[in-house]
Amino acid sequence: MLEGIKIGILGGGQLGSMIIRHAIDLGLDVSIMDNDKDAPCSKYTKSFTAANPMDYDAVLKFGENLNVITIEREAVNTLALRELQKKGVKVFPSPDTIDIIKNKYVQKKFLIANGIAVVPGVAVSSKEDIRNNLHKFPCCLKKCTDGYDGYGVMILEREEDIDKAFDGDCILEDLAIIKHEISVIVSRNELGQIECYDPILMMFDKDKMLLDFQLCPANIDRTVAIEACNIAIQVAEAISLVGIMAVEMFLTNDGKLLVNELAPRPHNSGHHTIEASVTSQYEQQLRAILGLPLGDTSITSPSVMINILEPAAHRKNSLENALKTILCTHSVHLHWYGKKSGKEGRKMGHITVTDRNIEEALSKATMIRHLLKEQN
């Protein structure tokens, strides 16, 4: 059915490797481009190009013999992708979609223009601009581009904090009074068919500004869950999505849903779908970009997903021992990304816990998190 179709992915991290895992089930040939020759995907494809996805000429050369290109990161050269489109290569998400989402301020303006509620924010490009907005303190400062996994986000509580603020283009956002942070993974194909996964509840490490663990189904009212899915669908249609997108939202103390950020690709908040949904987000991404019918997004079991971070160097052996203990637990699924050792706090893998109800899954996850945190 899909013989001869050549797919390219810009980015070779863990998201790409999980797409490859599901592409194998469909008999697909997948090529990867990443500027790190030791990126996780390098082990799982015979067609790996060590080059920068932001390099115009490199992207053109990479894509010239492909049928479809997708991404696992937003930092890609969209001018080259537009040129490849002219040559008949399908690019999903589209370069226009990528350009809107990869800059957080452009993204915010797009959402506002389409009637979607967001956290208010202003553009700043220098510390002097920030000083001119002291009336917004305390506030959240976000880099417009190149922010991920907690990098590029900081809380400014008082004027003295400006000295450590980011340089360059940023957004200065109001601090929303948040009850919960949730995410909805939405998928859409070229025919306009849309499917949403159940919202998940995200719990963050407040120091690292990084997702610690998440629950699915989220512990929110059904009416709020339905509203969150409707917002995700509205965003997907407005941006003409083809593929998968994570729509991260804040649920405020007064019951309002505000869109925080978008990611037009498989996302950390969708890892649980591999074990806990009929169709994983990675298979769904492939279905969407290949023009296939979208899969069933129903939950097969409640789940808790936990990120595993790189420990301090002297704790690595202890982490290995902890993981062996954790794997003795029933219905625990380890995903190790195969990254070269990195700096402390880098995401190295994740664990998904499934069970017959969320309470039992959370009980096991609490024990697992305790074991992991002892190693950090």
Foldseek 3Di string as FASTA:
>chain_A
DCPPAEEEEEDQALQVLVLLVVVVVVVYAYAYEDLDCQHLNVVPHPHYHNDHQQDLVVVLVVLVPHQEYEYPALNHNLVSVVVVVVVRHHYFPHSQLSVCAQFQVSVVVLCVVLVAFAFDKDKDAALVSVVVVQVLAQWKKAGRHDDDQLPRIDTDHHNVCSVVDDHGIIITTHDFAFPWKKKKKKAAAQVGDIDIAFIKTFDADVVSRGTFKIWPPHPDDPVLRVVNVVSVSSVCVSSVGQFMKMFMWTQGPVGDTHTYHMDNYDDPSQPLCVPFFPDGSSVQRVCRRVVHDGDGNDTPFIKMKGFAWQFPPVLVVLQVVLVVVLVVDPQKDWFASSGDRDDTGHGGTMIMHTDRDRVVNVVSVVVSSVSRVVSD
